[in-house]
């Protein structure tokens, strides 16, 4: 059975990895890569504090967080490096620290379903400074020991390598010929479309309307000298800003959520400078840090900000995934896993009916 995955981001790469466990599948991944959200992302796995009312989204995000240790264990069994992921904990900050008890109570109420949340406690700025000497804040913070960080580009490289799939780096289209699907001149039995915001580009020529739109996200990476950043928890101030420490003094700051820029991949230094100045207020070491990289990616979101996955209406054995938005690093792996299980007739951990493709893709 020949399977093509179009899109080598976090969804496509996870799907490829789990499909590769079936020896009867001949797997090809087409990855154009330009503008890919995963390569421009450093993510936080900490969905338990969300107040979004979309229960299906929260279920996916909760199970997505729970899925990471399983995925890490699977890779380790095959002797692959898993330093893309670290359960380092998170510090949640509020402009008014009076909101922290309510946030802690929300997480406590969700702990029965999500024991991965780990230890929850409100701690003082002075206590945080014992762990992060250059930390500053207007008051207490909420600590969640189960929170984690992910380096998206590193993660995807490891997954694709582990899948042993043929990787073709080019932009492709989808054509139909009798009961086969044609991509780049080759015939495939099954196709997985994991192209994010570019899903409409592939399906529109086949007569489909797709409810999907692009969101620009920008991120800046810093290098702090003589810093033990690998031991730091993630810092999550109120608002869009996140400060994500990695090993060797690397700290990622971002990411923007720009819904009006289309597919613009140019770095906006004004935006990143503003984020950087805001981040310096919480991590003073950034004032003297070296800027080592700036990244831009395009996320996909739907009109109601809900993700979807499943078989495309009227296209048997063509599966589409999109609409993950800024939670892609949390939800992407479990979606990729479940699409692989749909293809393999395996056990699902998500209910596809809760994320209906037909609501967002119509012919």
Protein backbone atom coordinates (compact mmCIF):
# COMPACT_ATOMS: atom_id res chain seq x y z
CA UNK A 1 0.00 0.00 0.00
CA UNK A 2 1.44 3.36 -1.06
CA UNK A 3 0.74 6.30 1.23
CA UNK A 4 1.63 9.93 0.58
CA UNK A 5 1.76 12.52 3.33
CA UNK A 6 1.75 16.09 2.06
CA UNK A 7 3.22 18.33 4.74
CA UNK A 8 6.12 17.41 7.00
CA UNK A 9 5.20 19.50 10.02
CA UNK A 10 4.27 18.13 13.39
CA UNK A 11 1.05 16.43 12.23
CA UNK A 12 2.51 14.90 9.08
CA UNK A 13 5.71 13.80 10.80
CA UNK A 14 3.85 12.12 13.68
CA UNK A 15 1.49 10.41 11.26
CA UNK A 16 4.48 9.19 9.22
CA UNK A 17 6.21 7.82 12.31
CA UNK A 18 3.23 5.73 13.40
CA UNK A 19 2.38 4.57 9.87
CA UNK A 20 5.99 3.41 9.47
CA UNK A 21 5.40 0.77 12.14
CA UNK A 22 3.36 -1.13 9.53
CA UNK A 23 5.76 -2.93 7.17
CA UNK A 24 3.11 -3.18 4.43
CA UNK A 25 3.12 0.59 3.88
CA UNK A 26 5.40 2.31 1.36
CA UNK A 27 5.60 5.85 2.68
CA UNK A 28 6.47 9.13 0.95
CA UNK A 29 6.44 12.55 2.63
CA UNK A 30 6.24 15.65 0.44
CA UNK A 31 7.48 18.62 2.44
CA UNK A 32 7.79 22.03 0.83
CA UNK A 33 8.59 23.47 4.24
CA UNK A 34 8.40 27.16 3.34
CA UNK A 35 6.40 28.98 6.00
CA UNK A 36 5.77 25.80 7.97
CA UNK A 37 4.40 26.64 11.40
CA UNK A 38 6.30 23.86 13.21
CA UNK A 39 9.74 25.00 12.06
CA UNK A 40 9.02 28.47 13.43
CA UNK A 41 7.70 27.27 16.76
CA UNK A 42 8.84 26.64 20.28
CA UNK A 43 5.84 25.38 22.12
CA UNK A 44 4.46 25.12 25.61
CA UNK A 45 2.52 22.04 26.66
CA UNK A 46 0.23 23.42 29.35
CA UNK A 47 -3.43 23.41 28.23
CA UNK A 48 -5.01 22.96 31.67
CA UNK A 49 -5.47 26.67 32.39
CA UNK A 50 -7.45 27.47 29.25
CA UNK A 51 -10.89 29.01 29.73
CA UNK A 52 -12.02 28.27 26.19
CA UNK A 53 -15.59 26.95 26.23
CA UNK A 54 -14.97 24.54 23.34
CA UNK A 55 -15.05 21.20 25.17
CA UNK A 56 -13.91 19.21 22.13
CA UNK A 57 -10.85 21.44 21.78
CA UNK A 58 -9.98 21.08 25.45
CA UNK A 59 -10.36 17.30 25.29
CA UNK A 60 -7.97 17.20 22.35
CA UNK A 61 -5.48 19.52 24.07
CA UNK A 62 -5.66 17.59 27.35
CA UNK A 63 -5.13 14.25 25.64
CA UNK A 64 -2.45 15.83 23.47
CA UNK A 65 -0.46 16.79 26.56
CA UNK A 66 -0.94 13.30 27.99
CA UNK A 67 0.24 11.76 24.70
CA UNK A 68 3.72 13.32 24.75
CA UNK A 69 5.29 10.96 27.33
CA UNK A 70 3.97 8.00 25.34
CA UNK A 71 5.45 9.35 22.12
CA UNK A 72 8.76 10.09 23.84
CA UNK A 73 8.85 6.56 25.23
CA UNK A 74 8.15 5.08 21.79
CA UNK A 75 11.06 7.01 20.29
CA UNK A 76 13.39 6.08 23.14
CA UNK A 77 12.58 2.40 22.64
CA UNK A 78 13.87 2.81 19.09
CA UNK A 79 17.00 4.60 20.40
CA UNK A 80 16.08 8.04 19.05
CA UNK A 81 17.03 11.26 20.83
CA UNK A 82 14.12 12.98 22.62
CA UNK A 83 15.72 16.21 23.84
CA UNK A 84 13.11 18.15 21.84
CA UNK A 85 10.80 17.68 24.86
CA UNK A 86 11.28 18.57 28.52
CA UNK A 87 8.74 18.49 31.34
CA UNK A 88 10.35 21.53 32.93
CA UNK A 89 7.27 23.06 34.56
CA UNK A 90 5.70 26.45 33.90
CA UNK A 91 5.30 29.73 35.75
CA UNK A 92 2.00 31.48 35.01
CA UNK A 93 1.93 35.23 35.63
CA UNK A 94 -1.04 37.57 35.92
CA UNK A 95 -1.11 41.36 35.88
CA UNK A 96 -3.19 41.04 39.04
CA UNK A 97 -1.96 38.27 41.30
CA UNK A 98 -5.45 38.13 42.84
CA UNK A 99 -6.43 35.99 39.80
CA UNK A 100 -3.94 33.24 40.62
CA UNK A 101 -6.07 31.36 43.22
CA UNK A 102 -8.92 31.11 40.68
CA UNK A 103 -6.53 29.79 38.04
CA UNK A 104 -5.10 27.28 40.50
CA UNK A 105 -8.60 26.15 41.44
CA UNK A 106 -9.45 25.62 37.74
CA UNK A 107 -6.38 23.43 37.28
CA UNK A 108 -7.09 21.52 40.49
CA UNK A 109 -10.58 20.73 39.20
CA UNK A 110 -9.06 19.24 36.05
CA UNK A 111 -6.38 17.23 37.82
CA UNK A 112 -8.49 14.09 38.17
CA UNK A 113 -8.64 13.72 34.37
CA UNK A 114 -5.14 15.13 33.90
CA UNK A 115 -2.81 14.00 36.69
CA UNK A 116 0.04 15.09 34.41
CA UNK A 117 -0.61 18.66 35.65
CA UNK A 118 1.58 17.71 38.57
CA UNK A 119 2.30 19.94 41.51
CA UNK A 120 0.36 23.22 41.66
CA UNK A 121 1.40 26.00 43.99
CA UNK A 122 1.44 29.78 44.23
CA UNK A 123 4.93 31.02 44.98
CA UNK A 124 6.57 34.39 45.54
CA UNK A 125 8.77 36.30 43.11
CA UNK A 126 11.64 35.89 45.58
CA UNK A 127 11.24 32.10 45.51
CA UNK A 128 11.29 32.08 41.70
CA UNK A 129 14.50 34.13 41.74
CA UNK A 130 16.21 31.31 43.61
CA UNK A 131 15.73 29.24 40.45
CA UNK A 132 15.90 32.04 37.84
CA UNK A 133 18.16 34.77 39.27
CA UNK A 134 17.25 37.44 36.69
CA UNK A 135 13.49 36.89 37.00
CA UNK A 136 11.24 39.84 37.81
CA UNK A 137 7.47 40.24 38.21
CA UNK A 138 4.89 42.38 39.98
CA UNK A 139 3.94 39.66 42.43
CA UNK A 140 3.39 35.94 42.98
CA UNK A 141 3.26 33.31 40.22
CA UNK A 142 1.45 30.01 39.78
CA UNK A 143 3.71 27.01 39.25
CA UNK A 144 2.57 23.85 37.44
CA UNK A 145 5.14 21.08 37.63
CA UNK A 146 3.73 19.06 34.71
CA UNK A 147 4.06 21.78 32.09
CA UNK A 148 6.54 21.12 29.31
CA UNK A 149 8.34 22.74 26.40
CA UNK A 150 8.89 21.50 22.85
CA UNK A 151 11.35 22.59 20.17
CA UNK A 152 9.26 22.08 17.04
CA UNK A 153 11.90 21.90 14.31
CA UNK A 154 14.06 19.47 16.27
CA UNK A 155 11.02 17.32 17.01
CA UNK A 156 9.99 17.07 13.36
CA UNK A 157 13.49 16.14 12.17
CA UNK A 158 13.65 13.27 14.66
CA UNK A 159 10.17 11.99 13.74
CA UNK A 160 10.84 12.05 10.01
CA UNK A 161 14.16 10.33 10.50
CA UNK A 162 12.49 7.68 12.66
CA UNK A 163 9.78 7.09 10.04
CA UNK A 164 12.38 6.16 7.39
CA UNK A 165 10.00 7.60 4.80
CA UNK A 166 11.17 8.91 1.46
CA UNK A 167 11.27 12.69 1.87
CA UNK A 168 10.70 14.85 -1.20
CA UNK A 169 11.18 18.59 -0.60
CA UNK A 170 8.95 20.31 -3.11
CA UNK A 171 5.55 21.92 -3.50
CA UNK A 172 3.05 19.50 -5.03
CA UNK A 173 -0.55 19.25 -6.19
CA UNK A 174 -3.11 16.46 -6.00
CA UNK A 175 -4.76 14.89 -9.04
CA UNK A 176 -7.20 12.01 -9.38
CA UNK A 177 -6.86 9.23 -11.95
CA UNK A 178 -9.48 6.48 -11.73
CA UNK A 179 -9.09 5.03 -8.20
CA UNK A 180 -5.60 6.40 -7.62
CA UNK A 181 -4.24 9.74 -6.46
CA UNK A 182 -1.40 11.35 -8.42
CA UNK A 183 1.25 13.45 -6.65
CA UNK A 184 4.44 14.49 -8.43
CA UNK A 185 3.83 11.90 -11.14
CA UNK A 186 3.46 8.96 -8.72
CA UNK A 187 0.31 7.01 -7.85
CA UNK A 188 -0.84 6.54 -4.27
CA UNK A 189 -3.60 4.56 -2.59
CA UNK A 190 -3.94 6.85 0.41
CA UNK A 191 -3.14 10.55 0.86
CA UNK A 192 -2.80 12.57 4.06
CA UNK A 193 -3.04 16.34 3.63
CA UNK A 194 -1.26 17.96 6.57
CA UNK A 195 -0.44 21.29 4.92
CA UNK A 196 -2.02 23.61 7.48
CA UNK A 197 -3.03 26.97 6.02
CA UNK A 198 -2.28 25.78 2.47
CA UNK A 199 -5.04 23.16 2.46
CA UNK A 200 -7.25 25.31 0.25
CA UNK A 201 -4.46 25.52 -2.37
CA UNK A 202 -4.57 21.74 -2.77
CA UNK A 203 -8.33 21.15 -2.56
CA UNK A 204 -9.70 24.21 -4.42
CA UNK A 205 -8.57 22.90 -7.86
CA UNK A 206 -10.62 19.77 -7.11
CA UNK A 207 -13.77 21.84 -6.53
CA UNK A 208 -13.71 22.19 -2.73
CA UNK A 209 -14.28 25.22 -0.53
CA UNK A 210 -12.16 25.14 2.62
CA UNK A 211 -12.84 27.20 5.74
CA UNK A 212 -9.24 27.92 6.62
CA UNK A 213 -7.16 31.07 6.90
CA UNK A 214 -3.54 31.98 7.71
CA UNK A 215 -2.17 33.41 10.93
CA UNK A 216 1.37 34.76 10.95
CA UNK A 217 3.54 33.88 13.93
CA UNK A 218 6.98 35.36 14.65
CA UNK A 219 9.54 34.18 17.17
CA UNK A 220 12.99 35.39 18.23
CA UNK A 221 15.76 33.24 19.72
CA UNK A 222 18.31 34.66 22.18
CA UNK A 223 21.57 33.37 23.60
CA UNK A 224 22.31 34.21 27.24
CA UNK A 225 25.94 33.73 28.29
CA UNK A 226 26.83 31.61 31.31
CA UNK A 227 23.24 30.72 32.03
CA UNK A 228 21.71 27.47 33.22
CA UNK A 229 18.56 27.98 31.15
CA UNK A 230 18.03 24.26 30.60
CA UNK A 231 16.84 24.06 34.21
CA UNK A 232 14.38 26.96 33.95
CA UNK A 233 10.61 26.50 33.75
CA UNK A 234 8.72 28.25 30.97
CA UNK A 235 7.56 31.78 31.83
CA UNK A 236 4.01 32.60 30.71
CA UNK A 237 3.03 36.25 31.30
CA UNK A 238 -0.57 37.31 30.66
CA UNK A 239 -1.17 37.94 26.94
CA UNK A 240 0.53 36.60 23.81
CA UNK A 241 4.10 36.67 25.13
CA UNK A 242 5.83 33.48 26.18
CA UNK A 243 9.45 33.04 27.31
CA UNK A 244 10.68 29.53 26.59
CA UNK A 245 14.12 28.55 27.92
CA UNK A 246 16.13 25.73 26.36
CA UNK A 247 19.51 24.26 27.17
CA UNK A 248 22.85 26.06 26.52
CA UNK A 249 21.54 29.55 27.24
CA UNK A 250 18.97 29.54 24.42
CA UNK A 251 15.70 31.35 25.10
CA UNK A 252 12.84 31.71 22.60
CA UNK A 253 10.55 34.73 22.87
CA UNK A 254 7.22 34.93 21.06
CA UNK A 255 5.07 34.29 19.35
CA UNK A 256 2.89 36.83 17.58
CA UNK A 257 -0.66 36.07 16.46
CA UNK A 258 -1.23 38.15 13.32
CA UNK A 259 -4.50 37.43 11.51
CA UNK A 260 -4.22 40.22 8.93
CA UNK A 261 -0.89 39.47 7.24
CA UNK A 262 -1.91 36.59 4.97
CA UNK A 263 1.05 34.46 3.95
CA UNK A 264 3.66 37.18 4.55
CA UNK A 265 6.90 35.50 5.65
CA UNK A 266 8.95 38.66 6.18
CA UNK A 267 10.39 39.29 9.64
CA UNK A 268 8.84 42.34 11.28
CA UNK A 269 11.63 43.54 13.57
CA UNK A 270 9.40 46.18 15.17
CA UNK A 271 7.02 43.47 16.36
CA UNK A 272 9.86 41.30 17.63
CA UNK A 273 11.59 44.25 19.29
CA UNK A 274 8.38 45.04 21.16
CA UNK A 275 8.10 41.43 22.30
CA UNK A 276 11.75 41.46 23.30
CA UNK A 277 11.38 44.61 25.42
CA UNK A 278 8.34 43.14 27.13
CA UNK A 279 10.20 39.89 27.80
CA UNK A 280 13.14 41.78 29.33
CA UNK A 281 10.82 42.95 32.10
CA UNK A 282 10.38 39.35 33.25
CA UNK A 283 13.82 37.94 32.42
CA UNK A 284 16.40 40.69 32.87
CA UNK A 285 19.22 38.63 31.33
CA UNK A 286 17.63 39.18 27.92
CA UNK A 287 18.81 42.81 28.00
CA UNK A 288 22.39 41.64 27.44
CA UNK A 289 21.55 38.55 25.38
CA UNK A 290 22.59 38.01 21.78
CA UNK A 291 19.87 37.69 19.14
CA UNK A 292 20.75 34.52 17.23
CA UNK A 293 17.69 33.79 15.11
CA UNK A 294 14.31 35.10 13.98
CA UNK A 295 11.63 32.78 12.63
CA UNK A 296 8.33 33.23 10.83
CA UNK A 297 5.65 30.58 10.31
CA UNK A 298 2.05 30.48 9.15
CA UNK A 299 -0.53 28.80 11.37
CA UNK A 300 -3.95 27.67 10.15
CA UNK A 301 -7.22 28.54 11.84
CA UNK A 302 -10.91 28.13 11.05
CA UNK A 303 -13.77 30.60 11.39
CA UNK A 304 -14.62 29.21 14.84
CA UNK A 305 -10.98 28.47 15.79
CA UNK A 306 -11.63 24.72 15.95
CA UNK A 307 -9.33 22.04 14.51
CA UNK A 308 -10.57 19.22 12.30
CA UNK A 309 -9.35 15.94 10.89
CA UNK A 310 -10.69 12.98 8.94
CA UNK A 311 -11.58 11.76 5.48
CA UNK A 312 -12.35 14.47 2.90
CA UNK A 313 -16.01 14.28 1.77
CA UNK A 314 -16.32 12.38 -1.56
CA UNK A 315 -12.56 11.62 -1.65
CA UNK A 316 -12.15 8.12 -0.29
CA UNK A 317 -8.79 7.51 1.41
CA UNK A 318 -7.84 11.21 1.38
CA UNK A 319 -7.45 12.55 4.91
CA UNK A 320 -7.17 16.23 5.83
CA UNK A 321 -6.04 17.93 9.02
CA UNK A 322 -6.00 21.67 9.69
CA UNK A 323 -7.16 24.50 11.93
CA UNK A 324 -4.80 23.80 14.83
CA UNK A 325 -3.93 27.46 15.36
CA UNK A 326 -1.42 28.35 18.06
CA UNK A 327 -1.99 25.09 19.97
CA UNK A 328 -0.48 22.98 17.17
CA UNK A 329 2.48 21.71 19.17
CA UNK A 330 0.07 20.46 21.84
CA UNK A 331 -2.59 18.96 19.58
CA UNK A 332 -0.60 18.09 16.44
CA UNK A 333 1.02 14.84 17.60
CA UNK A 334 -2.18 13.24 18.89
CA UNK A 335 -4.03 14.20 15.68
CA UNK A 336 -1.22 12.71 13.57
CA UNK A 337 -1.37 9.55 15.66
CA UNK A 338 -5.14 9.26 15.28
CA UNK A 339 -5.03 9.75 11.50
CA UNK A 340 -2.47 6.94 11.35
CA UNK A 341 -4.88 4.78 13.36
CA UNK A 342 -7.74 5.64 11.00
CA UNK A 343 -5.64 4.40 8.08
CA UNK A 344 -4.51 1.28 9.95
CA UNK A 345 -7.95 0.57 11.47
CA UNK A 346 -6.33 0.88 14.88
CA UNK A 347 -7.63 2.13 18.21
CA UNK A 348 -8.49 5.83 18.32
CA UNK A 349 -7.98 8.12 21.29
CA UNK A 350 -9.99 10.99 19.76
CA UNK A 351 -13.55 10.85 18.43
CA UNK A 352 -13.40 12.11 14.80
CA UNK A 353 -17.06 13.15 14.99
CA UNK A 354 -16.05 15.86 17.48
CA UNK A 355 -13.77 17.42 14.83
CA UNK A 356 -15.85 17.04 11.64
CA UNK A 357 -14.10 17.61 8.33
CA UNK A 358 -17.39 18.17 6.51
CA UNK A 359 -18.04 21.30 8.54
CA UNK A 360 -14.94 22.96 7.10
CA UNK A 361 -14.48 21.29 3.70
CA UNK A 362 -17.39 21.36 1.27
CA UNK A 363 -17.72 20.61 -2.41
